[in-house]
């Protein structure tokens, strides 16, 4: 017959350790976080122009579509916000930062 024996080698045991952790943590008021909607977490839909797994062209196109829309209707226009959400979900942040800097300096090669 086999008998399993478990030993707790931690000093103070788990209960005392948990009590110590709660005592040490300063009481903080929880900040109200903005509610996230389903539209906030959607990514770009499938686009037949970009059927492969490499999404670089898809990212670049969505970035240009957003800026074209923003130039025509304003950045806060609801129609433009979907393009912003798409390129932000597809494009690496470094690319977006670089393109924004190029747009500001007038050297951006994209069409919008």
PDB file of N, CA and C in Angstrom:
ATOM      1  N   UNK A   1       0.842  -1.175   0.000  1.00  0.00           N
ATOM      2  CA  UNK A   1       0.000   0.000   0.000  1.00  0.00           C
ATOM      3  C   UNK A   1       0.888   1.238   0.000  1.00  0.00           C
ATOM      4  N   UNK A   2       0.565   2.226  -0.877  1.00  0.00           N
ATOM      5  CA  UNK A   2       1.322   3.460  -0.963  1.00  0.00           C
ATOM      6  C   UNK A   2       0.587   4.559  -0.212  1.00  0.00           C
ATOM      7  N   UNK A   3       1.323   5.346   0.527  1.00  0.00           N
ATOM      8  CA  UNK A   3       0.749   6.465   1.254  1.00  0.00           C
ATOM      9  C   UNK A   3       1.505   7.723   0.834  1.00  0.00           C
ATOM     10  N   UNK A   4       0.754   8.737   0.390  1.00  0.00           N
ATOM     11  CA  UNK A   4       1.380   9.998  -0.016  1.00  0.00           C
ATOM     12  C   UNK A   4       1.382  10.942   1.168  1.00  0.00           C
ATOM     13  N   UNK A   5       2.530  11.469   1.458  1.00  0.00           N
ATOM     14  CA  UNK A   5       2.659  12.407   2.570  1.00  0.00           C
ATOM     15  C   UNK A   5       3.199  13.708   2.012  1.00  0.00           C
ATOM     16  N   UNK A   6       2.516  14.811   2.303  1.00  0.00           N
ATOM     17  CA  UNK A   6       2.942  16.127   1.838  1.00  0.00           C
ATOM     18  C   UNK A   6       3.376  16.962   3.025  1.00  0.00           C
ATOM     19  N   UNK A   7       4.495  17.607   2.886  1.00  0.00           N
ATOM     20  CA  UNK A   7       4.995  18.479   3.933  1.00  0.00           C
ATOM     21  C   UNK A   7       5.046  19.900   3.422  1.00  0.00           C
ATOM     22  N   UNK A   8       4.687  20.842   4.259  1.00  0.00           N
ATOM     23  CA  UNK A   8       4.780  22.252   3.920  1.00  0.00           C
ATOM     24  C   UNK A   8       6.035  22.787   4.591  1.00  0.00           C
ATOM     25  N   UNK A   9       7.097  23.009   3.812  1.00  0.00           N
ATOM     26  CA  UNK A   9       8.364  23.447   4.364  1.00  0.00           C
ATOM     27  C   UNK A   9       8.496  24.961   4.441  1.00  0.00           C
ATOM     28  N   UNK A  10       7.473  25.695   4.019  1.00  0.00           N
ATOM     29  CA  UNK A  10       7.540  27.151   4.087  1.00  0.00           C
ATOM     30  C   UNK A  10       7.312  27.594   5.517  1.00  0.00           C
ATOM     31  N   UNK A  11       8.065  28.585   5.911  1.00  0.00           N
ATOM     32  CA  UNK A  11       7.871  29.131   7.244  1.00  0.00           C
ATOM     33  C   UNK A  11       6.578  29.907   7.295  1.00  0.00           C
ATOM     34  N   UNK A  12       5.817  29.676   8.328  1.00  0.00           N
ATOM     35  CA  UNK A  12       4.585  30.429   8.521  1.00  0.00           C
ATOM     36  C   UNK A  12       3.409  29.863   7.750  1.00  0.00           C
ATOM     37  N   UNK A  13       3.606  28.987   6.799  1.00  0.00           N
ATOM     38  CA  UNK A  13       2.503  28.418   6.042  1.00  0.00           C
ATOM     39  C   UNK A  13       1.891  29.422   5.089  1.00  0.00           C
ATOM     40  N   UNK A  14       0.979  28.955   4.265  1.00  0.00           N
ATOM     41  CA  UNK A  14       0.372  29.805   3.244  1.00  0.00           C
ATOM     42  C   UNK A  14      -0.577  30.837   3.833  1.00  0.00           C
ATOM     43  N   UNK A  15      -1.282  30.464   4.899  1.00  0.00           N
ATOM     44  CA  UNK A  15      -2.266  31.383   5.465  1.00  0.00           C
ATOM     45  C   UNK A  15      -1.595  32.624   6.045  1.00  0.00           C
ATOM     46  N   UNK A  16      -0.512  32.423   6.798  1.00  0.00           N
ATOM     47  CA  UNK A  16       0.183  33.562   7.374  1.00  0.00           C
ATOM     48  C   UNK A  16       0.826  34.418   6.296  1.00  0.00           C
ATOM     49  N   UNK A  17       1.348  33.771   5.240  1.00  0.00           N
ATOM     50  CA  UNK A  17       1.987  34.507   4.149  1.00  0.00           C
ATOM     51  C   UNK A  17       0.952  35.363   3.419  1.00  0.00           C
ATOM     52  N   UNK A  18      -0.223  34.834   3.180  1.00  0.00           N
ATOM     53  CA  UNK A  18      -1.277  35.594   2.513  1.00  0.00           C
ATOM     54  C   UNK A  18      -1.709  36.764   3.381  1.00  0.00           C
ATOM     55  N   UNK A  19      -1.779  36.567   4.682  1.00  0.00           N
ATOM     56  CA  UNK A  19      -2.164  37.647   5.591  1.00  0.00           C
ATOM     57  C   UNK A  19      -1.115  38.748   5.587  1.00  0.00           C
ATOM     58  N   UNK A  20       0.180  38.349   5.539  1.00  0.00           N
ATOM     59  CA  UNK A  20       1.239  39.346   5.500  1.00  0.00           C
ATOM     60  C   UNK A  20       1.184  40.165   4.218  1.00  0.00           C
ATOM     61  N   UNK A  21       0.895  39.510   3.086  1.00  0.00           N
ATOM     62  CA  UNK A  21       0.839  40.214   1.808  1.00  0.00           C
ATOM     63  C   UNK A  21      -0.273  41.243   1.792  1.00  0.00           C
ATOM     64  N   UNK A  22      -1.406  40.907   2.374  1.00  0.00           N
ATOM     65  CA  UNK A  22      -2.514  41.855   2.373  1.00  0.00           C
ATOM     66  C   UNK A  22      -2.252  43.010   3.321  1.00  0.00           C
ATOM     67  N   UNK A  23      -1.511  42.759   4.396  1.00  0.00           N
ATOM     68  CA  UNK A  23      -1.197  43.837   5.325  1.00  0.00           C
ATOM     69  C   UNK A  23      -0.202  44.816   4.712  1.00  0.00           C
ATOM     70  N   UNK A  24       0.740  44.310   3.914  1.00  0.00           N
ATOM     71  CA  UNK A  24       1.772  45.149   3.330  1.00  0.00           C
ATOM     72  C   UNK A  24       1.255  46.000   2.171  1.00  0.00           C
ATOM     73  N   UNK A  25       0.261  45.512   1.471  1.00  0.00           N
ATOM     74  CA  UNK A  25      -0.244  46.228   0.300  1.00  0.00           C
ATOM     75  C   UNK A  25      -1.026  47.462   0.761  1.00  0.00           C
ATOM     76  N   UNK A  26      -0.644  48.651   0.290  1.00  0.00           N
ATOM     77  CA  UNK A  26      -1.375  49.851   0.677  1.00  0.00           C
ATOM     78  C   UNK A  26      -2.766  49.842   0.049  1.00  0.00           C
ATOM     79  N   UNK A  27      -3.695  50.391   0.777  1.00  0.00           N
ATOM     80  CA  UNK A  27      -5.050  50.445   0.260  1.00  0.00           C
ATOM     81  C   UNK A  27      -5.140  51.535  -0.794  1.00  0.00           C
ATOM     82  N   UNK A  28      -5.563  51.148  -1.971  1.00  0.00           N
ATOM     83  CA  UNK A  28      -5.707  52.092  -3.070  1.00  0.00           C
ATOM     84  C   UNK A  28      -7.145  52.069  -3.547  1.00  0.00           C
ATOM     85  N   UNK A  29      -7.633  53.230  -3.874  1.00  0.00           N
ATOM     86  CA  UNK A  29      -8.973  53.286  -4.428  1.00  0.00           C
ATOM     87  C   UNK A  29      -8.909  52.856  -5.879  1.00  0.00           C
ATOM     88  N   UNK A  30      -9.853  52.041  -6.271  1.00  0.00           N
ATOM     89  CA  UNK A  30      -9.886  51.585  -7.649  1.00  0.00           C
ATOM     90  C   UNK A  30     -10.406  52.696  -8.541  1.00  0.00           C
ATOM     91  N   UNK A  31      -9.668  52.957  -9.619  1.00  0.00           N
ATOM     92  CA  UNK A  31     -10.091  53.971 -10.574  1.00  0.00           C
ATOM     93  C   UNK A  31     -11.117  53.360 -11.510  1.00  0.00           C
ATOM     94  N   UNK A  32     -12.069  54.173 -11.902  1.00  0.00           N
ATOM     95  CA  UNK A  32     -13.043  53.686 -12.858  1.00  0.00           C
ATOM     96  C   UNK A  32     -12.399  53.653 -14.229  1.00  0.00           C
ATOM     97  N   UNK A  33     -12.418  52.489 -14.836  1.00  0.00           N
ATOM     98  CA  UNK A  33     -11.833  52.324 -16.158  1.00  0.00           C
ATOM     99  C   UNK A  33     -12.939  52.485 -17.189  1.00  0.00           C
ATOM    100  N   UNK A  34     -12.612  53.084 -18.345  1.00  0.00           N
ATOM    101  CA  UNK A  34     -13.635  53.212 -19.382  1.00  0.00           C
ATOM    102  C   UNK A  34     -14.067  51.831 -19.850  1.00  0.00           C
ATOM    103  N   UNK A  35     -15.349  51.692 -20.113  1.00  0.00           N
ATOM    104  CA  UNK A  35     -15.867  50.401 -20.553  1.00  0.00           C
ATOM    105  C   UNK A  35     -15.455  50.151 -21.995  1.00  0.00           C
ATOM    106  N   UNK A  36     -15.000  48.952 -22.252  1.00  0.00           N
ATOM    107  CA  UNK A  36     -14.565  48.564 -23.583  1.00  0.00           C
ATOM    108  C   UNK A  36     -15.727  47.877 -24.285  1.00  0.00           C
ATOM    109  N   UNK A  37     -16.009  48.326 -25.491  1.00  0.00           N
ATOM    110  CA  UNK A  37     -17.081  47.729 -26.270  1.00  0.00           C
ATOM    111  C   UNK A  37     -16.496  46.730 -27.263  1.00  0.00           C
ATOM    112  N   UNK A  38     -17.363  45.962 -27.879  1.00  0.00           N
ATOM    113  CA  UNK A  38     -16.920  44.984 -28.870  1.00  0.00           C
ATOM    114  C   UNK A  38     -16.218  45.683 -30.031  1.00  0.00           C
ATOM    115  N   UNK A  39     -16.686  46.869 -30.410  1.00  0.00           N
ATOM    116  CA  UNK A  39     -16.055  47.595 -31.509  1.00  0.00           C
ATOM    117  C   UNK A  39     -14.628  48.010 -31.180  1.00  0.00           C
ATOM    118  N   UNK A  40     -14.319  48.177 -29.900  1.00  0.00           N
ATOM    119  CA  UNK A  40     -12.971  48.572 -29.499  1.00  0.00           C
ATOM    120  C   UNK A  40     -11.950  47.457 -29.698  1.00  0.00           C
ATOM    121  N   UNK A  41     -12.396  46.204 -29.676  1.00  0.00           N
ATOM    122  CA  UNK A  41     -11.444  45.100 -29.746  1.00  0.00           C
ATOM    123  C   UNK A  41     -11.470  44.368 -31.085  1.00  0.00           C
ATOM    124  N   UNK A  42     -12.307  44.797 -31.993  1.00  0.00           N
ATOM    125  CA  UNK A  42     -12.329  44.172 -33.313  1.00  0.00           C
ATOM    126  C   UNK A  42     -11.065  44.536 -34.076  1.00  0.00           C
ATOM    127  N   UNK A  43     -10.598  43.607 -34.867  1.00  0.00           N
ATOM    128  CA  UNK A  43      -9.465  43.883 -35.731  1.00  0.00           C
ATOM    129  C   UNK A  43      -9.979  44.071 -37.153  1.00  0.00           C
ATOM    130  N   UNK A  44      -9.084  44.330 -38.053  1.00  0.00           N
ATOM    131  CA  UNK A  44      -9.473  44.563 -39.436  1.00  0.00           C
ATOM    132  C   UNK A  44     -10.108  43.303 -40.018  1.00  0.00           C
ATOM    133  N   UNK A  45     -11.164  43.451 -40.793  1.00  0.00           N
ATOM    134  CA  UNK A  45     -11.790  42.278 -41.409  1.00  0.00           C
ATOM    135  C   UNK A  45     -10.934  41.746 -42.549  1.00  0.00           C
ATOM    136  N   UNK A  46     -11.230  40.540 -42.981  1.00  0.00           N
ATOM    137  CA  UNK A  46     -10.520  39.939 -44.111  1.00  0.00           C
ATOM    138  C   UNK A  46     -10.701  40.823 -45.333  1.00  0.00           C
ATOM    139  N   UNK A  47      -9.620  41.031 -46.046  1.00  0.00           N
ATOM    140  CA  UNK A  47      -9.650  41.840 -47.252  1.00  0.00           C
ATOM    141  C   UNK A  47      -9.105  40.984 -48.384  1.00  0.00           C
ATOM    142  N   UNK A  48      -9.924  40.732 -49.403  1.00  0.00           N
ATOM    143  CA  UNK A  48      -9.534  39.846 -50.500  1.00  0.00           C
ATOM    144  C   UNK A  48      -8.286  40.327 -51.239  1.00  0.00           C
ATOM    145  N   UNK A  49      -7.931  41.616 -51.090  1.00  0.00           N
ATOM    146  CA  UNK A  49      -6.729  42.126 -51.746  1.00  0.00           C
ATOM    147  C   UNK A  49      -5.456  41.624 -51.081  1.00  0.00           C
ATOM    148  N   UNK A  50      -5.589  41.111 -49.848  1.00  0.00           N
ATOM    149  CA  UNK A  50      -4.428  40.669 -49.079  1.00  0.00           C
ATOM    150  C   UNK A  50      -4.673  39.257 -48.544  1.00  0.00           C
ATOM    151  N   UNK A  51      -4.658  38.247 -49.425  1.00  0.00           N
ATOM    152  CA  UNK A  51      -5.032  36.898 -49.002  1.00  0.00           C
ATOM    153  C   UNK A  51      -3.944  36.138 -48.246  1.00  0.00           C
ATOM    154  N   UNK A  52      -2.718  36.574 -48.281  1.00  0.00           N
ATOM    155  CA  UNK A  52      -1.642  35.827 -47.637  1.00  0.00           C
ATOM    156  C   UNK A  52      -1.498  36.237 -46.177  1.00  0.00           C
ATOM    157  N   UNK A  53      -0.659  35.538 -45.464  1.00  0.00           N
ATOM    158  CA  UNK A  53      -0.469  35.832 -44.049  1.00  0.00           C
ATOM    159  C   UNK A  53       0.362  37.087 -43.818  1.00  0.00           C
ATOM    160  N   UNK A  54       1.156  37.501 -44.811  1.00  0.00           N
ATOM    161  CA  UNK A  54       1.937  38.722 -44.666  1.00  0.00           C
ATOM    162  C   UNK A  54       0.995  39.919 -44.808  1.00  0.00           C
ATOM    163  N   UNK A  55       0.813  40.650 -43.738  1.00  0.00           N
ATOM    164  CA  UNK A  55      -0.163  41.731 -43.703  1.00  0.00           C
ATOM    165  C   UNK A  55       0.468  43.118 -43.862  1.00  0.00           C
ATOM    166  N   UNK A  56       1.703  43.201 -44.339  1.00  0.00           N
ATOM    167  CA  UNK A  56       2.384  44.493 -44.461  1.00  0.00           C
ATOM    168  C   UNK A  56       1.643  45.435 -45.407  1.00  0.00           C
ATOM    169  N   UNK A  57       1.233  44.934 -46.565  1.00  0.00           N
ATOM    170  CA  UNK A  57       0.503  45.784 -47.514  1.00  0.00           C
ATOM    171  C   UNK A  57      -0.859  46.173 -46.959  1.00  0.00           C
ATOM    172  N   UNK A  58      -1.499  45.245 -46.254  1.00  0.00           N
ATOM    173  CA  UNK A  58      -2.796  45.524 -45.640  1.00  0.00           C
ATOM    174  C   UNK A  58      -2.651  46.655 -44.615  1.00  0.00           C
ATOM    175  N   UNK A  59      -1.622  46.570 -43.795  1.00  0.00           N
ATOM    176  CA  UNK A  59      -1.331  47.601 -42.790  1.00  0.00           C
ATOM    177  C   UNK A  59      -1.134  48.956 -43.463  1.00  0.00           C
ATOM    178  N   UNK A  60      -0.274  48.985 -44.472  1.00  0.00           N
ATOM    179  CA  UNK A  60       0.060  50.224 -45.175  1.00  0.00           C
ATOM    180  C   UNK A  60      -1.176  50.841 -45.835  1.00  0.00           C
ATOM    181  N   UNK A  61      -2.006  49.997 -46.450  1.00  0.00           N
ATOM    182  CA  UNK A  61      -3.217  50.477 -47.113  1.00  0.00           C
ATOM    183  C   UNK A  61      -4.195  51.071 -46.105  1.00  0.00           C
ATOM    184  N   UNK A  62      -4.386  50.386 -44.984  1.00  0.00           N
ATOM    185  CA  UNK A  62      -5.318  50.887 -43.956  1.00  0.00           C
ATOM    186  C   UNK A  62      -4.817  52.197 -43.347  1.00  0.00           C
ATOM    187  N   UNK A  63      -3.520  52.315 -43.163  1.00  0.00           N
ATOM    188  CA  UNK A  63      -2.942  53.556 -42.646  1.00  0.00           C
ATOM    189  C   UNK A  63      -3.246  54.703 -43.611  1.00  0.00           C
ATOM    190  N   UNK A  64      -3.027  54.470 -44.901  1.00  0.00           N
ATOM    191  CA  UNK A  64      -3.301  55.498 -45.905  1.00  0.00           C
ATOM    192  C   UNK A  64      -4.791  55.808 -46.010  1.00  0.00           C
ATOM    193  N   UNK A  65      -5.639  54.780 -45.904  1.00  0.00           N
ATOM    194  CA  UNK A  65      -7.089  55.005 -45.953  1.00  0.00           C
ATOM    195  C   UNK A  65      -7.536  55.891 -44.795  1.00  0.00           C
ATOM    196  N   UNK A  66      -6.974  55.651 -43.618  1.00  0.00           N
ATOM    197  CA  UNK A  66      -7.341  56.481 -42.471  1.00  0.00           C
ATOM    198  C   UNK A  66      -6.963  57.936 -42.721  1.00  0.00           C
ATOM    199  N   UNK A  67      -5.755  58.178 -43.166  1.00  0.00           N
ATOM    200  CA  UNK A  67      -5.312  59.562 -43.353  1.00  0.00           C
ATOM    201  C   UNK A  67      -6.021  60.254 -44.511  1.00  0.00           C
ATOM    202  N   UNK A  68      -6.410  59.497 -45.514  1.00  0.00           N
ATOM    203  CA  UNK A  68      -7.203  60.071 -46.597  1.00  0.00           C
ATOM    204  C   UNK A  68      -8.584  60.471 -46.065  1.00  0.00           C
ATOM    205  N   UNK A  69      -9.195  59.592 -45.304  1.00  0.00           N
ATOM    206  CA  UNK A  69     -10.501  59.877 -44.708  1.00  0.00           C
ATOM    207  C   UNK A  69     -10.408  61.058 -43.742  1.00  0.00           C
ATOM    208  N   UNK A  70      -9.353  61.070 -42.921  1.00  0.00           N
ATOM    209  CA  UNK A  70      -9.166  62.150 -41.948  1.00  0.00           C
ATOM    210  C   UNK A  70      -8.982  63.490 -42.641  1.00  0.00           C
ATOM    211  N   UNK A  71      -8.311  63.497 -43.787  1.00  0.00           N
ATOM    212  CA  UNK A  71      -8.107  64.743 -44.533  1.00  0.00           C
ATOM    213  C   UNK A  71      -9.431  65.256 -45.101  1.00  0.00           C
ATOM    214  N   UNK A  72     -10.308  64.332 -45.487  1.00  0.00           N
ATOM    215  CA  UNK A  72     -11.595  64.728 -46.071  1.00  0.00           C
ATOM    216  C   UNK A  72     -12.648  65.069 -45.020  1.00  0.00           C
ATOM    217  N   UNK A  73     -12.717  64.269 -43.937  1.00  0.00           N
ATOM    218  CA  UNK A  73     -13.819  64.396 -42.982  1.00  0.00           C
ATOM    219  C   UNK A  73     -13.391  64.777 -41.577  1.00  0.00           C
ATOM    220  N   UNK A  74     -12.110  64.745 -41.300  1.00  0.00           N
ATOM    221  CA  UNK A  74     -11.614  65.028 -39.960  1.00  0.00           C
ATOM    222  C   UNK A  74     -11.308  63.733 -39.219  1.00  0.00           C
ATOM    223  N   UNK A  75     -10.282  63.779 -38.369  1.00  0.00           N
ATOM    224  CA  UNK A  75      -9.844  62.568 -37.668  1.00  0.00           C
ATOM    225  C   UNK A  75     -10.900  61.985 -36.747  1.00  0.00           C
ATOM    226  N   UNK A  76     -11.781  62.804 -36.220  1.00  0.00           N
ATOM    227  CA  UNK A  76     -12.777  62.333 -35.269  1.00  0.00           C
ATOM    228  C   UNK A  76     -14.040  61.781 -35.923  1.00  0.00           C
ATOM    229  N   UNK A  77     -14.097  61.800 -37.246  1.00  0.00           N
ATOM    230  CA  UNK A  77     -15.277  61.288 -37.947  1.00  0.00           C
ATOM    231  C   UNK A  77     -15.422  59.790 -37.691  1.00  0.00           C
ATOM    232  N   UNK A  78     -16.645  59.368 -37.445  1.00  0.00           N
ATOM    233  CA  UNK A  78     -16.898  57.970 -37.127  1.00  0.00           C
ATOM    234  C   UNK A  78     -16.453  57.040 -38.256  1.00  0.00           C
ATOM    235  N   UNK A  79     -16.644  57.475 -39.506  1.00  0.00           N
ATOM    236  CA  UNK A  79     -16.233  56.656 -40.646  1.00  0.00           C
ATOM    237  C   UNK A  79     -14.727  56.421 -40.645  1.00  0.00           C
ATOM    238  N   UNK A  80     -13.975  57.400 -40.169  1.00  0.00           N
ATOM    239  CA  UNK A  80     -12.513  57.304 -40.172  1.00  0.00           C
ATOM    240  C   UNK A  80     -11.991  56.461 -39.007  1.00  0.00           C
ATOM    241  N   UNK A  81     -12.726  56.419 -37.929  1.00  0.00           N
ATOM    242  CA  UNK A  81     -12.255  55.702 -36.751  1.00  0.00           C
ATOM    243  C   UNK A  81     -12.090  54.213 -37.004  1.00  0.00           C
ATOM    244  N   UNK A  82     -12.909  53.647 -37.883  1.00  0.00           N
ATOM    245  CA  UNK A  82     -12.739  52.212 -38.177  1.00  0.00           C
ATOM    246  C   UNK A  82     -11.394  51.965 -38.856  1.00  0.00           C
ATOM    247  N   UNK A  83     -10.974  52.872 -39.755  1.00  0.00           N
ATOM    248  CA  UNK A  83      -9.679  52.711 -40.402  1.00  0.00           C
ATOM    249  C   UNK A  83      -8.544  52.868 -39.389  1.00  0.00           C
ATOM    250  N   UNK A  84      -8.713  53.771 -38.457  1.00  0.00           N
ATOM    251  CA  UNK A  84      -7.704  53.947 -37.406  1.00  0.00           C
ATOM    252  C   UNK A  84      -7.579  52.668 -36.588  1.00  0.00           C
ATOM    253  N   UNK A  85      -8.710  52.071 -36.232  1.00  0.00           N
ATOM    254  CA  UNK A  85      -8.699  50.832 -35.465  1.00  0.00           C
ATOM    255  C   UNK A  85      -8.031  49.714 -36.274  1.00  0.00           C
ATOM    256  N   UNK A  86      -8.315  49.680 -37.582  1.00  0.00           N
ATOM    257  CA  UNK A  86      -7.736  48.645 -38.429  1.00  0.00           C
ATOM    258  C   UNK A  86      -6.216  48.766 -38.495  1.00  0.00           C
ATOM    259  N   UNK A  87      -5.711  49.966 -38.810  1.00  0.00           N
ATOM    260  CA  UNK A  87      -4.247  50.066 -38.966  1.00  0.00           C
ATOM    261  C   UNK A  87      -3.548  49.901 -37.627  1.00  0.00           C
ATOM    262  N   UNK A  88      -4.176  50.314 -36.540  1.00  0.00           N
ATOM    263  CA  UNK A  88      -3.545  50.142 -35.224  1.00  0.00           C
ATOM    264  C   UNK A  88      -3.464  48.680 -34.827  1.00  0.00           C
ATOM    265  N   UNK A  89      -4.409  47.875 -35.295  1.00  0.00           N
ATOM    266  CA  UNK A  89      -4.362  46.451 -34.960  1.00  0.00           C
ATOM    267  C   UNK A  89      -3.428  45.677 -35.897  1.00  0.00           C
ATOM    268  N   UNK A  90      -3.184  46.208 -37.088  1.00  0.00           N
ATOM    269  CA  UNK A  90      -2.353  45.505 -38.068  1.00  0.00           C
ATOM    270  C   UNK A  90      -0.889  45.936 -38.053  1.00  0.00           C
ATOM    271  N   UNK A  91      -0.623  47.208 -37.827  1.00  0.00           N
ATOM    272  CA  UNK A  91       0.719  47.765 -38.021  1.00  0.00           C
ATOM    273  C   UNK A  91       1.554  47.750 -36.741  1.00  0.00           C
ATOM    274  N   UNK A  92       2.822  47.410 -36.861  1.00  0.00           N
ATOM    275  CA  UNK A  92       3.728  47.554 -35.712  1.00  0.00           C
ATOM    276  C   UNK A  92       3.851  49.035 -35.332  1.00  0.00           C
ATOM    277  N   UNK A  93       3.928  49.313 -34.052  1.00  0.00           N
ATOM    278  CA  UNK A  93       4.015  50.686 -33.562  1.00  0.00           C
ATOM    279  C   UNK A  93       5.188  51.464 -34.126  1.00  0.00           C
ATOM    280  N   UNK A  94       6.311  50.767 -34.352  1.00  0.00           N
ATOM    281  CA  UNK A  94       7.497  51.440 -34.888  1.00  0.00           C
ATOM    282  C   UNK A  94       7.225  51.991 -36.287  1.00  0.00           C
ATOM    283  N   UNK A  95       6.486  51.226 -37.078  1.00  0.00           N
ATOM    284  CA  UNK A  95       6.154  51.689 -38.430  1.00  0.00           C
ATOM    285  C   UNK A  95       5.288  52.925 -38.370  1.00  0.00           C
ATOM    286  N   UNK A  96       4.271  52.893 -37.516  1.00  0.00           N
ATOM    287  CA  UNK A  96       3.347  54.021 -37.402  1.00  0.00           C
ATOM    288  C   UNK A  96       4.092  55.262 -36.937  1.00  0.00           C
ATOM    289  N   UNK A  97       4.966  55.106 -35.932  1.00  0.00           N
ATOM    290  CA  UNK A  97       5.757  56.240 -35.446  1.00  0.00           C
ATOM    291  C   UNK A  97       6.604  56.831 -36.574  1.00  0.00           C
ATOM    292  N   UNK A  98       7.251  55.953 -37.341  1.00  0.00           N
ATOM    293  CA  UNK A  98       8.103  56.406 -38.452  1.00  0.00           C
ATOM    294  C   UNK A  98       7.271  57.136 -39.498  1.00  0.00           C
ATOM    295  N   UNK A  99       6.129  56.562 -39.877  1.00  0.00           N
ATOM    296  CA  UNK A  99       5.278  57.190 -40.887  1.00  0.00           C
ATOM    297  C   UNK A  99       4.732  58.529 -40.405  1.00  0.00           C
ATOM    298  N   UNK A 100       4.374  58.598 -39.121  1.00  0.00           N
ATOM    299  CA  UNK A 100       3.883  59.877 -38.575  1.00  0.00           C
ATOM    300  C   UNK A 100       4.969  60.946 -38.637  1.00  0.00           C
ATOM    301  N   UNK A 101       6.201  60.567 -38.294  1.00  0.00           N
ATOM    302  CA  UNK A 101       7.314  61.515 -38.365  1.00  0.00           C
ATOM    303  C   UNK A 101       7.551  61.959 -39.807  1.00  0.00           C
ATOM    304  N   UNK A 102       7.476  61.022 -40.736  1.00  0.00           N
ATOM    305  CA  UNK A 102       7.660  61.363 -42.149  1.00  0.00           C
ATOM    306  C   UNK A 102       6.543  62.280 -42.645  1.00  0.00           C
ATOM    307  N   UNK A 103       5.317  62.046 -42.221  1.00  0.00           N
ATOM    308  CA  UNK A 103       4.206  62.914 -42.620  1.00  0.00           C
ATOM    309  C   UNK A 103       4.421  64.328 -42.095  1.00  0.00           C
ATOM    310  N   UNK A 104       4.889  64.439 -40.848  1.00  0.00           N
ATOM    311  CA  UNK A 104       5.132  65.755 -40.257  1.00  0.00           C
ATOM    312  C   UNK A 104       6.254  66.498 -40.976  1.00  0.00           C
ATOM    313  N   UNK A 105       7.266  65.759 -41.408  1.00  0.00           N
ATOM    314  CA  UNK A 105       8.390  66.412 -42.077  1.00  0.00           C
ATOM    315  C   UNK A 105       8.164  66.571 -43.583  1.00  0.00           C
ATOM    316  N   UNK A 106       7.093  65.996 -44.103  1.00  0.00           N
ATOM    317  CA  UNK A 106       6.782  66.129 -45.528  1.00  0.00           C
ATOM    318  C   UNK A 106       7.508  65.148 -46.416  1.00  0.00           C
ATOM    319  N   UNK A 107       8.094  64.089 -45.847  1.00  0.00           N
ATOM    320  CA  UNK A 107       8.837  63.125 -46.654  1.00  0.00           C
ATOM    321  C   UNK A 107       8.121  61.785 -46.787  1.00  0.00           C
ATOM    322  N   UNK A 108       6.879  61.705 -46.363  1.00  0.00           N
ATOM    323  CA  UNK A 108       6.125  60.447 -46.418  1.00  0.00           C
ATOM    324  C   UNK A 108       5.794  60.118 -47.875  1.00  0.00           C
ATOM    325  N   UNK A 109       6.060  58.873 -48.274  1.00  0.00           N
ATOM    326  CA  UNK A 109       5.876  58.478 -49.662  1.00  0.00           C
ATOM    327  C   UNK A 109       4.470  57.954 -49.961  1.00  0.00           C
ATOM    328  N   UNK A 110       3.662  57.775 -48.931  1.00  0.00           N
ATOM    329  CA  UNK A 110       2.326  57.217 -49.133  1.00  0.00           C
ATOM    330  C   UNK A 110       1.375  58.177 -49.807  1.00  0.00           C
ATOM    331  N   UNK A 111       0.310  57.620 -50.330  1.00  0.00           N
ATOM    332  CA  UNK A 111      -0.698  58.432 -51.003  1.00  0.00           C
ATOM    333  C   UNK A 111      -1.931  58.488 -50.139  1.00  0.00           C
ATOM    334  N   UNK A 112      -2.339  59.665 -49.812  1.00  0.00           N
ATOM    335  CA  UNK A 112      -3.594  59.840 -49.069  1.00  0.00           C
ATOM    336  C   UNK A 112      -4.180  61.180 -49.387  1.00  0.00           C
TER     337      UNK A 112
END
